[in-house]
Amino acid sequence: MRFLVGLAISLSALAGAEPGFQSLFDGKTLDGWAGDTRLWSVKDGAIAGSTEGVKIDTNQFLIYRKKHFANFVLKADVKLRNHNSGIQFRSEELPGFVVKGYQADMAEDNWWGGVYEERGPRGIMVNGWKGKAETVVKRGDWNEVEIVADGDHIQIKINGLLTADMHDSAKLEGVIAFQLHRGPPMEVSFRNIRIKELK
């Protein structure tokens, strides 16, 4: 019996399985995602967004269209080169691959781990950077971003560290999307994108 339990744990570890999580990215295509094809592609098993050689007048997004999500734990590894990006959640899709709503914010120099209201009046809702994400972010490398949304309770974790903890019920369901920020040329990559829905 002990052998069988150990074997099951070993097989689970080899598969990289996390109980209850489902992948939102197949590692090869952008199936289920929608965005400007000049900006988004798949490279080396990751979703890559870049504004190199393409001028954008407004922030652009890659939007997951298969489903809206309400209560969940979302995890993704993110690598950022230059400028600003973010993961939208419980957000609203607007025309032209534009999104408004909650964002787990990240920028090259600061603001990782905060909550920002994209295209909303409140702007920075929680600053998760100073004394928090700044202590764990690996600049220019992969960092795990975790978003927990359960009822009106929202938490952001960066590399396992809780950086934002808030209660807000302005939007309790919506799309998930990735951001490319207008301004200087930038590149951002996302991999290991998985979600566990909460009851």
N, C-alpha and C. Protein backbone atom coordinates (compact mmCIF):
# COMPACT_ATOMS: atom_id res chain seq x y z
N MET A 1 0.84 -1.20 0.00
CA MET A 1 0.00 0.00 0.00
C MET A 1 0.87 1.26 0.00
N ARG A 2 1.89 1.23 0.88
CA ARG A 2 2.79 2.36 0.97
C ARG A 2 3.49 2.59 -0.38
N PHE A 3 3.84 1.46 -1.04
CA PHE A 3 4.49 1.55 -2.35
C PHE A 3 3.58 2.22 -3.38
N LEU A 4 2.29 1.84 -3.38
CA LEU A 4 1.33 2.39 -4.34
C LEU A 4 1.12 3.88 -4.12
N VAL A 5 1.04 4.30 -2.86
CA VAL A 5 0.89 5.73 -2.55
C VAL A 5 2.11 6.49 -3.04
N GLY A 6 3.30 5.93 -2.76
CA GLY A 6 4.53 6.58 -3.20
C GLY A 6 4.61 6.67 -4.71
N LEU A 7 4.18 5.62 -5.41
CA LEU A 7 4.18 5.61 -6.86
C LEU A 7 3.24 6.67 -7.41
N ALA A 8 2.06 6.78 -6.80
CA ALA A 8 1.09 7.78 -7.25
C ALA A 8 1.64 9.19 -7.09
N ILE A 9 2.31 9.44 -5.96
CA ILE A 9 2.90 10.76 -5.72
C ILE A 9 4.00 11.03 -6.73
N SER A 10 4.83 10.04 -7.02
CA SER A 10 5.91 10.20 -7.98
C SER A 10 5.39 10.49 -9.37
N LEU A 11 4.37 9.75 -9.79
CA LEU A 11 3.78 9.98 -11.11
C LEU A 11 3.16 11.36 -11.21
N SER A 12 2.51 11.80 -10.13
CA SER A 12 1.91 13.13 -10.11
C SER A 12 2.99 14.20 -10.24
N ALA A 13 4.09 14.02 -9.53
CA ALA A 13 5.19 14.99 -9.59
C ALA A 13 5.80 15.03 -10.98
N LEU A 14 5.97 13.84 -11.61
CA LEU A 14 6.53 13.79 -12.95
C LEU A 14 5.64 14.51 -13.95
N ALA A 15 4.35 14.41 -13.76
CA ALA A 15 3.41 15.05 -14.67
C ALA A 15 3.26 16.54 -14.39
N GLY A 16 3.82 17.00 -13.27
CA GLY A 16 3.69 18.40 -12.90
C GLY A 16 2.27 18.76 -12.52
N ALA A 17 1.49 17.78 -12.09
CA ALA A 17 0.07 18.00 -11.83
C ALA A 17 -0.16 18.74 -10.54
N GLU A 18 -1.13 19.64 -10.56
CA GLU A 18 -1.62 20.31 -9.37
C GLU A 18 -3.10 19.98 -9.28
N PRO A 19 -3.53 19.32 -8.23
CA PRO A 19 -4.93 18.89 -8.13
C PRO A 19 -5.90 20.05 -8.34
N GLY A 20 -6.88 19.84 -9.22
CA GLY A 20 -7.94 20.82 -9.44
C GLY A 20 -7.62 21.89 -10.46
N PHE A 21 -6.36 21.96 -10.93
CA PHE A 21 -5.98 23.00 -11.89
C PHE A 21 -6.14 22.50 -13.33
N GLN A 22 -6.52 23.41 -14.21
CA GLN A 22 -6.58 23.11 -15.64
C GLN A 22 -5.75 24.15 -16.39
N SER A 23 -5.11 23.73 -17.47
CA SER A 23 -4.26 24.63 -18.24
C SER A 23 -5.11 25.52 -19.15
N LEU A 24 -4.70 26.78 -19.31
CA LEU A 24 -5.37 27.69 -20.24
C LEU A 24 -4.54 27.89 -21.51
N PHE A 25 -3.42 27.15 -21.63
CA PHE A 25 -2.52 27.31 -22.76
C PHE A 25 -1.90 25.95 -23.09
N ASP A 26 -1.99 25.56 -24.37
CA ASP A 26 -1.50 24.23 -24.75
C ASP A 26 0.00 24.18 -25.01
N GLY A 27 0.68 25.31 -24.89
CA GLY A 27 2.13 25.36 -25.08
C GLY A 27 2.57 25.45 -26.52
N LYS A 28 1.60 25.41 -27.46
CA LYS A 28 1.96 25.40 -28.88
C LYS A 28 1.22 26.43 -29.72
N THR A 29 -0.05 26.70 -29.35
CA THR A 29 -0.88 27.60 -30.15
C THR A 29 -1.60 28.60 -29.24
N LEU A 30 -2.24 29.56 -29.87
CA LEU A 30 -3.05 30.54 -29.14
C LEU A 30 -4.52 30.16 -29.17
N ASP A 31 -4.80 28.87 -29.25
CA ASP A 31 -6.17 28.39 -29.25
C ASP A 31 -6.91 28.86 -27.99
N GLY A 32 -8.06 29.51 -28.19
CA GLY A 32 -8.84 30.02 -27.08
C GLY A 32 -8.54 31.46 -26.72
N TRP A 33 -7.45 31.99 -27.28
CA TRP A 33 -7.03 33.37 -26.99
C TRP A 33 -7.24 34.25 -28.23
N ALA A 34 -7.53 35.53 -28.02
CA ALA A 34 -7.74 36.46 -29.12
C ALA A 34 -6.97 37.75 -28.88
N GLY A 35 -6.27 38.22 -29.91
CA GLY A 35 -5.53 39.47 -29.82
C GLY A 35 -4.97 39.84 -31.18
N ASP A 36 -4.30 40.97 -31.27
CA ASP A 36 -3.68 41.45 -32.50
C ASP A 36 -2.52 40.51 -32.85
N THR A 37 -2.61 39.83 -33.99
CA THR A 37 -1.61 38.83 -34.36
C THR A 37 -0.24 39.45 -34.68
N ARG A 38 -0.18 40.76 -34.85
CA ARG A 38 1.12 41.42 -35.02
C ARG A 38 1.89 41.45 -33.71
N LEU A 39 1.17 41.31 -32.60
CA LEU A 39 1.76 41.52 -31.28
C LEU A 39 1.98 40.23 -30.50
N TRP A 40 1.18 39.20 -30.77
CA TRP A 40 1.19 38.00 -29.93
C TRP A 40 1.55 36.76 -30.73
N SER A 41 2.35 35.89 -30.11
CA SER A 41 2.75 34.65 -30.76
C SER A 41 3.13 33.63 -29.69
N VAL A 42 3.52 32.44 -30.12
CA VAL A 42 4.02 31.42 -29.20
C VAL A 42 5.49 31.19 -29.51
N LYS A 43 6.35 31.33 -28.49
CA LYS A 43 7.79 31.13 -28.64
C LYS A 43 8.31 30.29 -27.49
N ASP A 44 9.02 29.21 -27.83
CA ASP A 44 9.67 28.37 -26.82
C ASP A 44 8.69 27.92 -25.73
N GLY A 45 7.48 27.54 -26.13
CA GLY A 45 6.51 27.02 -25.18
C GLY A 45 5.86 28.07 -24.30
N ALA A 46 5.95 29.33 -24.69
CA ALA A 46 5.35 30.43 -23.90
C ALA A 46 4.58 31.36 -24.82
N ILE A 47 3.56 32.02 -24.28
CA ILE A 47 2.88 33.09 -25.00
C ILE A 47 3.77 34.33 -24.92
N ALA A 48 4.11 34.89 -26.07
CA ALA A 48 4.99 36.06 -26.12
C ALA A 48 4.25 37.24 -26.73
N GLY A 49 4.35 38.38 -26.06
CA GLY A 49 3.79 39.62 -26.58
C GLY A 49 4.90 40.62 -26.76
N SER A 50 4.91 41.33 -27.91
CA SER A 50 5.97 42.28 -28.17
C SER A 50 5.46 43.46 -28.99
N THR A 51 5.93 44.65 -28.66
CA THR A 51 5.61 45.83 -29.45
C THR A 51 6.81 46.30 -30.26
N GLU A 52 7.85 45.47 -30.35
CA GLU A 52 9.01 45.82 -31.17
C GLU A 52 8.58 46.02 -32.62
N GLY A 53 8.81 47.21 -33.17
CA GLY A 53 8.48 47.49 -34.56
C GLY A 53 7.02 47.75 -34.82
N VAL A 54 6.19 47.74 -33.77
CA VAL A 54 4.75 48.01 -33.93
C VAL A 54 4.34 49.08 -32.92
N LYS A 55 3.85 50.21 -33.42
CA LYS A 55 3.41 51.28 -32.52
C LYS A 55 1.94 51.07 -32.18
N ILE A 56 1.63 51.06 -30.88
CA ILE A 56 0.23 50.95 -30.46
C ILE A 56 -0.18 52.23 -29.75
N ASP A 57 -1.39 52.69 -30.02
CA ASP A 57 -1.87 53.95 -29.45
C ASP A 57 -2.59 53.76 -28.12
N THR A 58 -2.97 52.52 -27.85
CA THR A 58 -3.64 52.22 -26.58
C THR A 58 -3.14 50.86 -26.10
N ASN A 59 -3.23 50.61 -24.81
CA ASN A 59 -2.81 49.32 -24.29
C ASN A 59 -3.58 48.21 -25.00
N GLN A 60 -2.86 47.15 -25.35
CA GLN A 60 -3.46 46.02 -26.08
C GLN A 60 -3.43 44.77 -25.22
N PHE A 61 -4.36 43.84 -25.51
CA PHE A 61 -4.52 42.66 -24.66
C PHE A 61 -4.71 41.40 -25.49
N LEU A 62 -4.23 40.30 -24.94
CA LEU A 62 -4.55 38.97 -25.44
C LEU A 62 -5.60 38.41 -24.49
N ILE A 63 -6.77 38.08 -25.01
CA ILE A 63 -7.95 37.80 -24.19
C ILE A 63 -8.35 36.34 -24.29
N TYR A 64 -8.55 35.71 -23.15
CA TYR A 64 -9.04 34.32 -23.14
C TYR A 64 -10.55 34.36 -23.33
N ARG A 65 -11.02 33.76 -24.44
CA ARG A 65 -12.43 33.90 -24.82
C ARG A 65 -13.27 32.65 -24.60
N LYS A 66 -12.67 31.56 -24.19
CA LYS A 66 -13.46 30.34 -24.03
C LYS A 66 -14.43 30.41 -22.86
N LYS A 67 -14.10 31.23 -21.86
CA LYS A 67 -14.91 31.24 -20.65
C LYS A 67 -14.66 32.48 -19.83
N HIS A 68 -15.68 32.95 -19.11
CA HIS A 68 -15.50 33.96 -18.07
C HIS A 68 -15.30 33.23 -16.75
N PHE A 69 -14.55 33.85 -15.85
CA PHE A 69 -14.26 33.22 -14.57
C PHE A 69 -14.69 34.13 -13.42
N ALA A 70 -15.19 33.51 -12.36
CA ALA A 70 -15.66 34.26 -11.18
C ALA A 70 -14.73 34.03 -9.99
N ASN A 71 -14.79 32.85 -9.39
CA ASN A 71 -13.98 32.52 -8.21
C ASN A 71 -12.91 31.50 -8.61
N PHE A 72 -11.65 31.80 -8.33
CA PHE A 72 -10.58 30.95 -8.86
C PHE A 72 -9.23 31.26 -8.20
N VAL A 73 -8.30 30.35 -8.46
CA VAL A 73 -6.88 30.59 -8.22
C VAL A 73 -6.21 30.48 -9.59
N LEU A 74 -5.56 31.55 -10.03
CA LEU A 74 -4.87 31.58 -11.32
C LEU A 74 -3.37 31.71 -11.07
N LYS A 75 -2.59 30.85 -11.73
CA LYS A 75 -1.13 30.92 -11.61
C LYS A 75 -0.50 31.00 -12.99
N ALA A 76 0.58 31.77 -13.10
CA ALA A 76 1.32 31.86 -14.36
C ALA A 76 2.74 32.31 -14.06
N ASP A 77 3.68 31.81 -14.86
CA ASP A 77 5.05 32.32 -14.81
C ASP A 77 5.16 33.44 -15.81
N VAL A 78 5.78 34.55 -15.41
CA VAL A 78 5.86 35.74 -16.27
C VAL A 78 7.30 36.24 -16.34
N LYS A 79 7.72 36.59 -17.55
CA LYS A 79 9.02 37.22 -17.74
C LYS A 79 8.80 38.53 -18.49
N LEU A 80 9.32 39.63 -17.97
CA LEU A 80 9.09 40.96 -18.54
C LEU A 80 10.42 41.60 -18.95
N ARG A 81 10.46 42.07 -20.20
CA ARG A 81 11.61 42.86 -20.65
C ARG A 81 11.13 44.27 -21.00
N ASN A 82 11.51 45.20 -20.17
CA ASN A 82 11.21 46.61 -20.40
C ASN A 82 9.73 46.95 -20.17
N HIS A 83 9.51 48.09 -19.59
CA HIS A 83 8.21 48.75 -19.51
C HIS A 83 7.21 48.07 -18.57
N ASN A 84 5.97 47.82 -19.05
CA ASN A 84 4.86 47.53 -18.15
C ASN A 84 3.92 46.49 -18.74
N SER A 85 3.41 45.60 -17.88
CA SER A 85 2.43 44.60 -18.32
C SER A 85 1.52 44.28 -17.14
N GLY A 86 0.69 43.25 -17.31
CA GLY A 86 -0.20 42.86 -16.23
C GLY A 86 -1.10 41.71 -16.66
N ILE A 87 -1.74 41.11 -15.68
CA ILE A 87 -2.74 40.08 -15.93
C ILE A 87 -4.10 40.62 -15.49
N GLN A 88 -5.00 40.74 -16.45
CA GLN A 88 -6.36 41.19 -16.15
C GLN A 88 -7.19 40.01 -15.65
N PHE A 89 -8.08 40.26 -14.72
CA PHE A 89 -9.00 39.23 -14.24
C PHE A 89 -10.32 39.88 -13.86
N ARG A 90 -11.39 39.09 -13.95
CA ARG A 90 -12.75 39.60 -13.73
C ARG A 90 -12.94 40.92 -14.50
N SER A 91 -12.45 40.95 -15.72
CA SER A 91 -12.45 42.17 -16.51
C SER A 91 -13.48 42.14 -17.63
N GLU A 92 -13.66 43.28 -18.28
CA GLU A 92 -14.64 43.44 -19.35
C GLU A 92 -13.91 43.70 -20.66
N GLU A 93 -14.27 42.92 -21.70
CA GLU A 93 -13.66 43.13 -23.01
C GLU A 93 -14.36 44.27 -23.74
N LEU A 94 -13.57 45.18 -24.30
CA LEU A 94 -14.06 46.29 -25.12
C LEU A 94 -13.58 46.05 -26.56
N PRO A 95 -14.12 46.81 -27.53
CA PRO A 95 -13.69 46.62 -28.92
C PRO A 95 -12.19 46.88 -29.10
N GLY A 96 -11.62 46.22 -30.12
CA GLY A 96 -10.22 46.47 -30.48
C GLY A 96 -9.21 45.83 -29.56
N PHE A 97 -9.55 44.69 -28.95
CA PHE A 97 -8.67 43.97 -28.02
C PHE A 97 -8.24 44.87 -26.85
N VAL A 98 -9.20 45.61 -26.35
CA VAL A 98 -9.01 46.47 -25.17
C VAL A 98 -9.81 45.89 -24.02
N VAL A 99 -9.30 46.03 -22.80
CA VAL A 99 -9.93 45.44 -21.63
C VAL A 99 -9.95 46.46 -20.51
N LYS A 100 -10.97 46.40 -19.66
CA LYS A 100 -11.01 47.26 -18.47
C LYS A 100 -11.32 46.39 -17.26
N GLY A 101 -10.76 46.79 -16.11
CA GLY A 101 -11.05 46.06 -14.89
C GLY A 101 -9.81 45.80 -14.05
N TYR A 102 -9.91 44.82 -13.15
CA TYR A 102 -8.82 44.50 -12.23
C TYR A 102 -7.59 44.00 -12.99
N GLN A 103 -6.42 44.43 -12.52
CA GLN A 103 -5.16 43.98 -13.11
C GLN A 103 -4.15 43.68 -12.02
N ALA A 104 -3.54 42.49 -12.10
CA ALA A 104 -2.35 42.21 -11.29
C ALA A 104 -1.20 42.87 -12.03
N ASP A 105 -0.71 43.97 -11.49
CA ASP A 105 0.20 44.86 -12.21
C ASP A 105 1.65 44.41 -12.10
N MET A 106 2.43 44.74 -13.13
CA MET A 106 3.86 44.48 -13.10
C MET A 106 4.56 45.47 -14.02
N ALA A 107 5.73 45.92 -13.61
CA ALA A 107 6.52 46.83 -14.42
C ALA A 107 7.99 46.55 -14.17
N GLU A 108 8.83 46.97 -15.12
CA GLU A 108 10.25 46.63 -15.03
C GLU A 108 10.89 47.18 -13.76
N ASP A 109 10.55 48.41 -13.39
CA ASP A 109 11.22 49.05 -12.26
C ASP A 109 10.46 48.96 -10.94
N ASN A 110 9.16 48.76 -11.00
CA ASN A 110 8.36 48.67 -9.76
C ASN A 110 6.95 48.17 -10.07
N TRP A 111 6.12 48.16 -9.06
CA TRP A 111 4.69 47.86 -9.16
C TRP A 111 4.33 46.39 -9.31
N TRP A 112 5.27 45.47 -9.38
CA TRP A 112 4.88 44.07 -9.34
C TRP A 112 4.07 43.82 -8.06
N GLY A 113 3.05 42.98 -8.18
CA GLY A 113 2.33 42.54 -6.99
C GLY A 113 1.20 43.43 -6.53
N GLY A 114 0.91 44.50 -7.26
CA GLY A 114 -0.18 45.39 -6.89
C GLY A 114 -1.46 45.07 -7.63
N VAL A 115 -2.53 45.79 -7.29
CA VAL A 115 -3.79 45.68 -8.01
C VAL A 115 -4.10 47.06 -8.60
N TYR A 116 -4.33 47.08 -9.90
CA TYR A 116 -4.60 48.32 -10.64
C TYR A 116 -5.92 48.18 -11.37
N GLU A 117 -6.67 49.27 -11.45
CA GLU A 117 -7.94 49.24 -12.20
C GLU A 117 -7.69 49.82 -13.58
N GLU A 118 -7.52 48.95 -14.57
CA GLU A 118 -7.28 49.37 -15.95
C GLU A 118 -8.51 50.07 -16.51
N ARG A 119 -8.28 51.27 -17.06
CA ARG A 119 -9.34 52.08 -17.67
C ARG A 119 -10.48 52.38 -16.68
N GLY A 120 -10.14 52.45 -15.39
CA GLY A 120 -11.13 52.75 -14.37
C GLY A 120 -10.70 53.97 -13.57
N PRO A 121 -11.61 54.55 -12.79
CA PRO A 121 -11.31 55.78 -12.06
C PRO A 121 -10.40 55.60 -10.86
N ARG A 122 -10.23 54.36 -10.38
CA ARG A 122 -9.50 54.18 -9.11
C ARG A 122 -8.00 53.98 -9.26
N GLY A 123 -7.54 53.65 -10.47
CA GLY A 123 -6.11 53.50 -10.69
C GLY A 123 -5.49 52.45 -9.77
N ILE A 124 -4.42 52.85 -9.07
CA ILE A 124 -3.75 51.92 -8.15
C ILE A 124 -4.64 51.68 -6.94
N MET A 125 -5.08 50.43 -6.78
CA MET A 125 -5.94 50.08 -5.66
C MET A 125 -5.12 49.54 -4.49
N VAL A 126 -4.07 48.76 -4.79
CA VAL A 126 -3.15 48.27 -3.77
C VAL A 126 -1.74 48.33 -4.35
N ASN A 127 -0.82 48.97 -3.63
CA ASN A 127 0.58 48.97 -4.04
C ASN A 127 1.27 47.79 -3.36
N GLY A 128 1.57 46.76 -4.14
CA GLY A 128 2.18 45.57 -3.57
C GLY A 128 3.68 45.52 -3.71
N TRP A 129 4.28 46.63 -4.12
CA TRP A 129 5.70 46.61 -4.45
C TRP A 129 6.61 46.89 -3.26
N LYS A 130 6.54 48.09 -2.69
CA LYS A 130 7.54 48.52 -1.72
C LYS A 130 7.53 47.66 -0.46
N GLY A 131 8.67 47.04 -0.17
CA GLY A 131 8.80 46.18 0.99
C GLY A 131 8.16 44.82 0.83
N LYS A 132 7.55 44.58 -0.33
CA LYS A 132 6.88 43.31 -0.59
C LYS A 132 7.47 42.66 -1.85
N ALA A 133 6.84 42.88 -3.01
CA ALA A 133 7.32 42.23 -4.23
C ALA A 133 8.77 42.61 -4.54
N GLU A 134 9.19 43.81 -4.15
CA GLU A 134 10.57 44.22 -4.44
C GLU A 134 11.60 43.29 -3.79
N THR A 135 11.17 42.55 -2.77
CA THR A 135 12.10 41.66 -2.06
C THR A 135 12.23 40.29 -2.74
N VAL A 136 11.33 39.97 -3.67
CA VAL A 136 11.34 38.62 -4.26
C VAL A 136 11.38 38.60 -5.78
N VAL A 137 11.11 39.72 -6.46
CA VAL A 137 11.07 39.72 -7.92
C VAL A 137 12.47 39.50 -8.49
N LYS A 138 12.54 38.60 -9.47
CA LYS A 138 13.79 38.33 -10.18
C LYS A 138 13.71 39.10 -11.51
N ARG A 139 14.37 40.23 -11.57
CA ARG A 139 14.29 41.10 -12.75
C ARG A 139 14.84 40.40 -13.98
N GLY A 140 14.09 40.46 -15.07
CA GLY A 140 14.53 39.87 -16.33
C GLY A 140 14.43 38.37 -16.37
N ASP A 141 13.85 37.76 -15.35
CA ASP A 141 13.73 36.30 -15.27
C ASP A 141 12.27 35.93 -15.03
N TRP A 142 12.00 34.64 -14.92
CA TRP A 142 10.64 34.17 -14.68
C TRP A 142 10.24 34.40 -13.23
N ASN A 143 9.02 34.89 -13.04
CA ASN A 143 8.42 35.08 -11.72
C ASN A 143 7.02 34.49 -11.74
N GLU A 144 6.65 33.78 -10.66
CA GLU A 144 5.30 33.24 -10.59
C GLU A 144 4.34 34.27 -10.00
N VAL A 145 3.27 34.53 -10.74
CA VAL A 145 2.20 35.41 -10.28
C VAL A 145 0.99 34.54 -9.95
N GLU A 146 0.44 34.72 -8.77
CA GLU A 146 -0.76 33.98 -8.36
C GLU A 146 -1.85 34.97 -8.00
N ILE A 147 -3.03 34.75 -8.56
CA ILE A 147 -4.19 35.59 -8.28
C ILE A 147 -5.27 34.71 -7.66
N VAL A 148 -5.75 35.12 -6.49
CA VAL A 148 -6.86 34.42 -5.84
C VAL A 148 -8.05 35.38 -5.80
N ALA A 149 -9.17 34.97 -6.39
CA ALA A 149 -10.39 35.76 -6.35
C ALA A 149 -11.50 34.86 -5.82
N ASP A 150 -12.01 35.20 -4.65
CA ASP A 150 -13.02 34.38 -3.99
C ASP A 150 -14.06 35.30 -3.37
N GLY A 151 -15.21 35.43 -4.03
CA GLY A 151 -16.19 36.42 -3.57
C GLY A 151 -15.60 37.81 -3.73
N ASP A 152 -15.67 38.61 -2.67
CA ASP A 152 -15.11 39.96 -2.75
C ASP A 152 -13.65 40.01 -2.29
N HIS A 153 -13.08 38.86 -1.99
CA HIS A 153 -11.71 38.80 -1.47
C HIS A 153 -10.73 38.53 -2.62
N ILE A 154 -9.75 39.42 -2.77
CA ILE A 154 -8.75 39.32 -3.83
C ILE A 154 -7.36 39.34 -3.22
N GLN A 155 -6.51 38.40 -3.64
CA GLN A 155 -5.12 38.36 -3.19
C GLN A 155 -4.20 38.19 -4.38
N ILE A 156 -3.03 38.81 -4.30
CA ILE A 156 -1.97 38.63 -5.29
C ILE A 156 -0.74 38.11 -4.57
N LYS A 157 -0.09 37.11 -5.15
CA LYS A 157 1.17 36.61 -4.62
C LYS A 157 2.21 36.62 -5.73
N ILE A 158 3.43 37.03 -5.38
CA ILE A 158 4.55 37.00 -6.30
C ILE A 158 5.60 36.04 -5.73
N ASN A 159 5.92 35.00 -6.49
CA ASN A 159 6.87 33.98 -6.04
C ASN A 159 6.53 33.49 -4.64
N GLY A 160 5.23 33.32 -4.39
CA GLY A 160 4.75 32.78 -3.12
C GLY A 160 4.54 33.80 -2.02
N LEU A 161 4.97 35.05 -2.22
CA LEU A 161 4.82 36.09 -1.20
C LEU A 161 3.52 36.87 -1.41
N LEU A 162 2.70 36.99 -0.38
CA LEU A 162 1.47 37.77 -0.46
C LEU A 162 1.81 39.25 -0.56
N THR A 163 1.41 39.88 -1.66
CA THR A 163 1.75 41.29 -1.89
C THR A 163 0.53 42.21 -1.91
N ALA A 164 -0.66 41.65 -2.11
CA ALA A 164 -1.89 42.45 -2.11
C ALA A 164 -3.01 41.61 -1.52
N ASP A 165 -3.79 42.23 -0.65
CA ASP A 165 -4.91 41.55 0.02
C ASP A 165 -6.01 42.58 0.20
N MET A 166 -7.11 42.43 -0.53
CA MET A 166 -8.15 43.46 -0.52
C MET A 166 -9.53 42.83 -0.65
N HIS A 167 -10.54 43.64 -0.33
CA HIS A 167 -11.94 43.25 -0.52
C HIS A 167 -12.58 44.28 -1.43
N ASP A 168 -13.18 43.80 -2.52
CA ASP A 168 -13.85 44.70 -3.46
C ASP A 168 -14.85 43.88 -4.26
N SER A 169 -16.04 44.41 -4.45
CA SER A 169 -17.08 43.64 -5.14
C SER A 169 -17.60 44.36 -6.39
N ALA A 170 -16.78 45.28 -6.95
CA ALA A 170 -17.22 46.02 -8.12
C ALA A 170 -17.48 45.09 -9.30
N LYS A 171 -16.69 44.02 -9.43
CA LYS A 171 -16.87 43.06 -10.52
C LYS A 171 -16.53 41.68 -9.99
N LEU A 172 -17.47 40.76 -10.10
CA LEU A 172 -17.30 39.43 -9.52
C LEU A 172 -17.11 38.34 -10.56
N GLU A 173 -17.05 38.72 -11.85
CA GLU A 173 -16.83 37.75 -12.92
C GLU A 173 -16.36 38.48 -14.16
N GLY A 174 -15.57 37.81 -14.99
CA GLY A 174 -15.15 38.45 -16.23
C GLY A 174 -14.05 37.67 -16.93
N VAL A 175 -13.39 38.35 -17.89
CA VAL A 175 -12.36 37.69 -18.71
C VAL A 175 -11.00 37.77 -18.02
N ILE A 176 -10.13 36.87 -18.47
CA ILE A 176 -8.71 36.91 -18.13
C ILE A 176 -7.98 37.37 -19.38
N ALA A 177 -6.99 38.24 -19.22
CA ALA A 177 -6.26 38.76 -20.38
C ALA A 177 -4.85 39.19 -19.96
N PHE A 178 -3.96 39.26 -20.95
CA PHE A 178 -2.59 39.70 -20.73
C PHE A 178 -2.37 41.04 -21.43
N GLN A 179 -1.57 41.92 -20.81
CA GLN A 179 -1.41 43.28 -21.31
C GLN A 179 -0.07 43.54 -22.00
N LEU A 180 -0.14 44.31 -23.09
CA LEU A 180 1.01 45.00 -23.66
C LEU A 180 0.75 46.49 -23.51
N HIS A 181 1.68 47.22 -22.89
CA HIS A 181 1.46 48.63 -22.59
C HIS A 181 2.01 49.51 -23.71
N ARG A 182 1.26 50.54 -24.05
CA ARG A 182 1.75 51.49 -25.05
C ARG A 182 2.96 52.23 -24.48
N GLY A 183 3.79 52.76 -25.38
CA GLY A 183 5.00 53.46 -24.93
C GLY A 183 6.23 52.81 -25.51
N PRO A 184 7.32 52.73 -24.74
CA PRO A 184 8.57 52.16 -25.25
C PRO A 184 8.38 50.71 -25.69
N PRO A 185 9.16 50.26 -26.69
CA PRO A 185 9.09 48.85 -27.11
C PRO A 185 9.31 47.92 -25.93
N MET A 186 8.54 46.85 -25.87
CA MET A 186 8.59 45.95 -24.72
C MET A 186 8.28 44.52 -25.17
N GLU A 187 8.59 43.59 -24.28
CA GLU A 187 8.26 42.19 -24.52
C GLU A 187 7.89 41.53 -23.20
N VAL A 188 6.87 40.69 -23.23
CA VAL A 188 6.46 39.95 -22.03
C VAL A 188 6.10 38.53 -22.45
N SER A 189 6.42 37.56 -21.59
CA SER A 189 6.12 36.16 -21.88
C SER A 189 5.37 35.54 -20.72
N PHE A 190 4.46 34.60 -21.04
CA PHE A 190 3.66 33.90 -20.04
C PHE A 190 3.72 32.40 -20.32
N ARG A 191 3.93 31.60 -19.28
CA ARG A 191 3.94 30.15 -19.43
C ARG A 191 3.33 29.52 -18.18
N ASN A 192 3.10 28.20 -18.24
CA ASN A 192 2.51 27.48 -17.10
C ASN A 192 1.24 28.17 -16.60
N ILE A 193 0.38 28.52 -17.51
CA ILE A 193 -0.84 29.26 -17.18
C ILE A 193 -1.93 28.26 -16.81
N ARG A 194 -2.33 28.26 -15.56
CA ARG A 194 -3.32 27.28 -15.10
C ARG A 194 -4.26 27.91 -14.08
N ILE A 195 -5.46 27.34 -14.02
CA ILE A 195 -6.49 27.92 -13.15
C ILE A 195 -7.25 26.81 -12.43
N LYS A 196 -7.62 27.10 -11.20
CA LYS A 196 -8.48 26.21 -10.42
C LYS A 196 -9.70 27.01 -10.01
N GLU A 197 -10.87 26.58 -10.47
CA GLU A 197 -12.10 27.28 -10.10
C GLU A 197 -12.53 26.88 -8.71
N LEU A 198 -13.00 27.87 -7.96
CA LEU A 198 -13.47 27.67 -6.59
C LEU A 198 -14.99 27.64 -6.56
N LYS A 199 -15.55 26.88 -5.67
CA LYS A 199 -17.00 26.79 -5.57
C LYS A 199 -17.56 28.05 -4.92
